[in-house]
N, C-alpha and C. Protein backbone atom coordinates (compact mmCIF):
# COMPACT_ATOMS: atom_id res chain seq x y z
N UNK A 1 175.57 111.42 -133.84
CA UNK A 1 175.95 111.86 -132.41
C UNK A 1 175.95 113.07 -132.52
N UNK A 2 176.26 114.18 -131.79
CA UNK A 2 176.35 115.40 -131.69
C UNK A 2 178.10 115.59 -131.91
N UNK A 3 178.24 116.31 -132.89
CA UNK A 3 179.95 116.91 -132.48
C UNK A 3 179.58 118.48 -132.54
N UNK A 4 181.04 118.60 -132.35
CA UNK A 4 181.35 120.37 -132.50
C UNK A 4 182.65 120.37 -133.63
N UNK A 5 182.80 121.31 -134.73
CA UNK A 5 183.86 121.39 -135.67
C UNK A 5 184.39 122.76 -135.59
N UNK A 6 185.41 122.89 -135.21
CA UNK A 6 186.11 124.34 -135.33
C UNK A 6 187.55 124.06 -136.62
N UNK A 7 186.67 125.14 -137.71
CA UNK A 7 187.07 125.17 -139.10
C UNK A 7 187.54 126.50 -139.34
N UNK A 8 189.00 126.55 -139.78
CA UNK A 8 189.75 127.94 -140.34
C UNK A 8 189.55 127.75 -141.57
N UNK A 9 189.31 128.81 -142.75
CA UNK A 9 189.21 128.94 -144.09
C UNK A 9 190.32 129.94 -144.17
N UNK A 10 191.45 129.50 -144.98
CA UNK A 10 192.53 130.57 -145.47
C UNK A 10 192.36 131.09 -147.02
N UNK A 11 192.72 132.18 -147.40
CA UNK A 11 192.21 132.39 -148.86
C UNK A 11 192.27 133.76 -149.26
N UNK A 12 191.49 133.88 -150.32
CA UNK A 12 190.44 135.22 -150.46
C UNK A 12 189.35 134.89 -149.90
N UNK A 13 188.92 135.18 -148.58
CA UNK A 13 187.91 134.59 -147.94
C UNK A 13 187.48 136.26 -146.93
N UNK A 14 187.90 137.04 -147.31
CA UNK A 14 187.08 137.97 -146.53
C UNK A 14 186.86 138.83 -147.53
N UNK A 15 185.88 140.16 -147.23
CA UNK A 15 185.18 141.16 -147.82
C UNK A 15 184.79 140.52 -149.38
N UNK A 16 184.38 139.33 -149.49
CA UNK A 16 183.73 138.38 -150.82
C UNK A 16 182.00 138.15 -150.01
N UNK A 17 181.92 138.34 -149.10
CA UNK A 17 180.54 137.68 -148.42
C UNK A 17 180.69 136.04 -148.02
N UNK A 18 181.94 135.75 -147.42
CA UNK A 18 182.13 134.57 -147.00
C UNK A 18 181.06 134.28 -145.56
N UNK A 19 181.42 135.14 -144.76
CA UNK A 19 180.40 135.01 -143.49
C UNK A 19 179.20 134.68 -143.76
N UNK A 20 178.55 135.33 -144.68
CA UNK A 20 177.17 135.30 -144.99
C UNK A 20 176.63 133.88 -145.50
N UNK A 21 177.62 133.70 -146.72
CA UNK A 21 177.42 132.51 -147.15
C UNK A 21 177.33 130.94 -146.23
N UNK A 22 178.35 131.37 -145.33
CA UNK A 22 178.37 130.05 -144.19
C UNK A 22 177.33 130.10 -143.20
N UNK A 23 176.91 131.29 -142.88
CA UNK A 23 175.78 131.57 -142.37
C UNK A 23 174.39 131.21 -142.99
N UNK A 24 174.25 131.24 -144.14
CA UNK A 24 173.14 130.90 -144.80
C UNK A 24 173.25 129.75 -144.69
N UNK A 25 174.04 128.68 -144.96
CA UNK A 25 174.25 127.03 -144.85
C UNK A 25 174.14 126.34 -143.76
N UNK A 26 174.58 127.14 -142.53
CA UNK A 26 174.53 126.62 -141.46
C UNK A 26 172.96 126.50 -141.03
N UNK A 27 172.20 128.09 -141.14
CA UNK A 27 170.69 128.15 -140.91
C UNK A 27 170.04 126.75 -141.93
N UNK A 28 170.01 127.19 -142.82
CA UNK A 28 169.45 125.83 -144.06
C UNK A 28 169.90 124.33 -143.42
N UNK A 29 170.53 124.24 -142.73
CA UNK A 29 171.30 122.94 -142.02
C UNK A 29 170.59 122.66 -141.02
N UNK A 30 170.47 123.82 -139.73
CA UNK A 30 169.90 123.50 -138.75
C UNK A 30 170.97 123.71 -137.84
N UNK A 31 172.16 124.63 -138.13
CA UNK A 31 173.34 124.34 -137.26
C UNK A 31 173.62 125.50 -136.42
N UNK A 32 174.33 125.22 -135.30
CA UNK A 32 174.06 126.58 -134.54
C UNK A 32 176.06 126.76 -134.38
N UNK A 33 175.76 127.83 -133.92
CA UNK A 33 177.56 128.11 -133.63
C UNK A 33 177.70 130.23 -134.40
N UNK A 34 178.92 129.69 -134.69
CA UNK A 34 179.04 131.56 -134.92
C UNK A 34 180.31 131.05 -136.46
N UNK A 35 180.39 132.39 -136.86
CA UNK A 35 181.62 132.64 -137.99
C UNK A 35 182.09 134.17 -137.53
N UNK A 36 183.33 134.32 -137.86
CA UNK A 36 184.11 135.63 -137.81
C UNK A 36 185.33 135.66 -138.75
N UNK A 37 185.51 136.84 -138.93
CA UNK A 37 186.99 136.91 -139.42
C UNK A 37 188.22 136.83 -138.36
N UNK A 38 189.33 136.29 -138.82
CA UNK A 38 190.54 136.69 -138.14
C UNK A 38 191.21 137.59 -138.38
N UNK A 39 192.05 138.36 -137.65
CA UNK A 39 193.09 139.53 -138.03
C UNK A 39 193.95 138.93 -139.53
N UNK A 40 194.32 137.72 -139.25
CA UNK A 40 195.02 137.16 -140.92
C UNK A 40 194.69 137.04 -141.70
N UNK A 41 193.47 137.50 -142.03
CA UNK A 41 192.68 137.22 -142.97
C UNK A 41 191.78 136.14 -143.57
N UNK A 42 192.31 134.89 -142.46
CA UNK A 42 191.19 133.90 -142.64
C UNK A 42 190.01 133.94 -141.65
N UNK A 43 189.23 133.06 -141.94
CA UNK A 43 187.66 133.16 -141.58
C UNK A 43 187.91 131.70 -140.53
N UNK A 44 187.39 131.89 -139.19
CA UNK A 44 186.87 130.89 -138.24
C UNK A 44 185.64 130.50 -137.99
N UNK A 45 185.51 129.10 -138.10
CA UNK A 45 183.98 128.85 -137.39
C UNK A 45 183.95 128.11 -136.79
N UNK A 46 182.93 128.14 -135.64
CA UNK A 46 182.65 126.96 -134.58
C UNK A 46 181.14 126.46 -134.97
N UNK A 47 180.85 125.19 -135.19
CA UNK A 47 179.43 124.66 -135.26
C UNK A 47 179.20 123.86 -134.92
N UNK A 48 178.14 123.10 -134.28
CA UNK A 48 177.66 122.22 -133.61
C UNK A 48 176.11 121.56 -134.25
N UNK A 49 176.26 120.19 -134.26
CA UNK A 49 175.09 119.42 -134.76
C UNK A 49 175.35 118.00 -135.19
N UNK A 50 174.79 117.40 -135.64
CA UNK A 50 174.83 116.06 -135.85
C UNK A 50 176.01 115.87 -136.97
N UNK A 51 177.24 115.14 -136.72
CA UNK A 51 178.09 114.43 -137.55
C UNK A 51 178.20 114.49 -139.11
N UNK A 52 176.91 113.91 -139.37
CA UNK A 52 176.53 113.83 -140.87
C UNK A 52 176.04 114.94 -141.69
N UNK A 53 175.52 116.08 -140.49
CA UNK A 53 174.93 117.31 -141.04
C UNK A 53 175.99 118.12 -141.24
N UNK A 54 176.97 118.09 -140.25
CA UNK A 54 178.50 119.04 -140.45
C UNK A 54 179.10 118.65 -141.55
N UNK A 55 179.18 117.57 -141.87
CA UNK A 55 179.96 116.87 -143.08
C UNK A 55 179.36 117.62 -144.42
N UNK A 56 178.21 117.65 -144.45
CA UNK A 56 177.41 118.28 -145.29
C UNK A 56 177.95 119.76 -145.35
N UNK A 57 177.26 120.19 -144.20
CA UNK A 57 177.91 121.90 -144.23
C UNK A 57 179.18 122.05 -144.69
N UNK A 58 180.53 121.36 -144.27
CA UNK A 58 181.65 121.84 -144.70
C UNK A 58 181.67 121.05 -146.22
N UNK A 59 180.70 120.54 -146.83
CA UNK A 59 181.20 120.35 -148.24
C UNK A 59 180.60 121.65 -148.76
N UNK A 60 180.00 122.10 -148.50
CA UNK A 60 178.92 123.19 -149.01
C UNK A 60 179.86 124.32 -148.75
N UNK A 61 180.61 124.40 -147.56
CA UNK A 61 181.43 125.91 -147.60
C UNK A 61 182.45 125.93 -148.30
N UNK A 62 182.72 124.43 -148.84
CA UNK A 62 184.34 124.54 -149.14
C UNK A 62 184.61 124.89 -150.60
N UNK A 63 183.29 125.28 -150.90
CA UNK A 63 182.74 125.82 -152.41
C UNK A 63 182.88 127.19 -152.35
N UNK A 64 182.73 127.86 -151.35
CA UNK A 64 182.59 129.59 -151.12
C UNK A 64 181.86 129.93 -152.04
N UNK A 65 181.65 131.14 -151.80
CA UNK A 65 180.75 132.27 -152.39
C UNK A 65 181.76 132.59 -153.52
N UNK A 66 180.89 132.87 -154.91
CA UNK A 66 181.72 133.29 -156.45
C UNK A 66 182.86 134.11 -155.89
N UNK A 67 182.99 135.19 -155.38
CA UNK A 67 184.35 135.84 -155.44
C UNK A 67 185.43 135.03 -154.41
N UNK A 68 185.28 134.16 -153.86
CA UNK A 68 186.18 133.70 -152.60
C UNK A 68 187.12 132.71 -153.57
N UNK A 69 188.35 132.64 -152.94
CA UNK A 69 189.33 131.63 -153.44
C UNK A 69 189.58 131.23 -152.20
N UNK A 70 189.69 129.70 -152.10
CA UNK A 70 189.95 129.20 -150.74
C UNK A 70 191.35 128.29 -150.99
N UNK A 71 192.29 128.67 -150.16
CA UNK A 71 193.64 127.86 -150.18
C UNK A 71 193.70 126.64 -149.65
N UNK A 72 193.22 126.82 -148.05
CA UNK A 72 193.22 125.78 -147.08
C UNK A 72 191.79 125.66 -146.12
N UNK A 73 191.85 124.52 -145.89
CA UNK A 73 190.59 124.18 -144.75
C UNK A 73 191.12 123.38 -143.97
N UNK A 74 190.96 124.01 -142.19
CA UNK A 74 191.60 123.49 -141.26
C UNK A 74 190.39 122.84 -140.54
N UNK A 75 190.09 121.43 -140.04
CA UNK A 75 188.85 121.04 -139.46
C UNK A 75 189.42 120.37 -138.11
N UNK A 76 188.64 120.67 -136.85
CA UNK A 76 188.88 119.74 -136.19
C UNK A 76 187.78 119.48 -135.23
N UNK A 77 187.37 118.24 -135.25
CA UNK A 77 186.17 117.75 -134.50
C UNK A 77 186.54 117.74 -133.26
N UNK A 78 185.35 117.86 -132.34
CA UNK A 78 185.27 117.20 -131.14
C UNK A 78 183.73 117.03 -130.62
N UNK A 79 183.57 116.70 -129.24
CA UNK A 79 182.18 116.33 -128.64
C UNK A 79 181.81 117.47 -128.59
N UNK A 80 180.48 117.82 -129.06
CA UNK A 80 179.45 118.77 -128.83
C UNK A 80 179.56 119.41 -127.40
N UNK A 81 179.47 120.60 -126.90
CA UNK A 81 179.47 121.16 -125.85
C UNK A 81 177.87 121.57 -125.42
N UNK A 82 177.07 121.64 -126.62
CA UNK A 82 175.78 122.59 -126.45
C UNK A 82 175.92 123.74 -126.03
N UNK A 83 176.89 124.85 -126.69
CA UNK A 83 177.06 126.16 -126.41
C UNK A 83 176.17 126.91 -127.08
N UNK A 84 175.68 126.84 -128.23
CA UNK A 84 174.74 127.64 -129.03
C UNK A 84 173.35 127.23 -129.34
N UNK A 85 172.67 128.38 -129.38
CA UNK A 85 171.36 128.10 -129.27
C UNK A 85 171.00 128.69 -130.93
N UNK A 86 171.83 129.28 -131.71
CA UNK A 86 171.62 129.53 -132.70
C UNK A 86 172.98 129.93 -133.67
N UNK A 87 172.80 130.60 -135.22
CA UNK A 87 174.17 131.11 -135.71
C UNK A 87 174.45 132.29 -135.78
N UNK A 88 175.70 132.99 -135.30
CA UNK A 88 176.00 133.98 -135.62
C UNK A 88 176.84 134.46 -136.42
N UNK A 89 176.77 135.72 -137.03
CA UNK A 89 177.98 136.11 -137.82
C UNK A 89 178.77 137.20 -136.59
N UNK A 90 180.00 137.13 -136.30
CA UNK A 90 180.55 138.00 -135.46
C UNK A 90 181.39 139.18 -136.28
């Protein structure tokens, strides 16, 4: 079943290539949505796809790029709204 997940990642996640890391894994898995920096220093992701693939995506992004240090990950699943046709870095 197709789902949407909103993810907020806190820690040292800006200016370390995190958005590009997220985009790479989303595109590799065929997921659609976006990633953006928040003003509080966190990174926000909205992504849609099959739940099994979303879980794989979340596992990958929790590793982060080499220079990142993740302190907290908040995930909220909901039914997909099919709002996206690709994956963007904002």
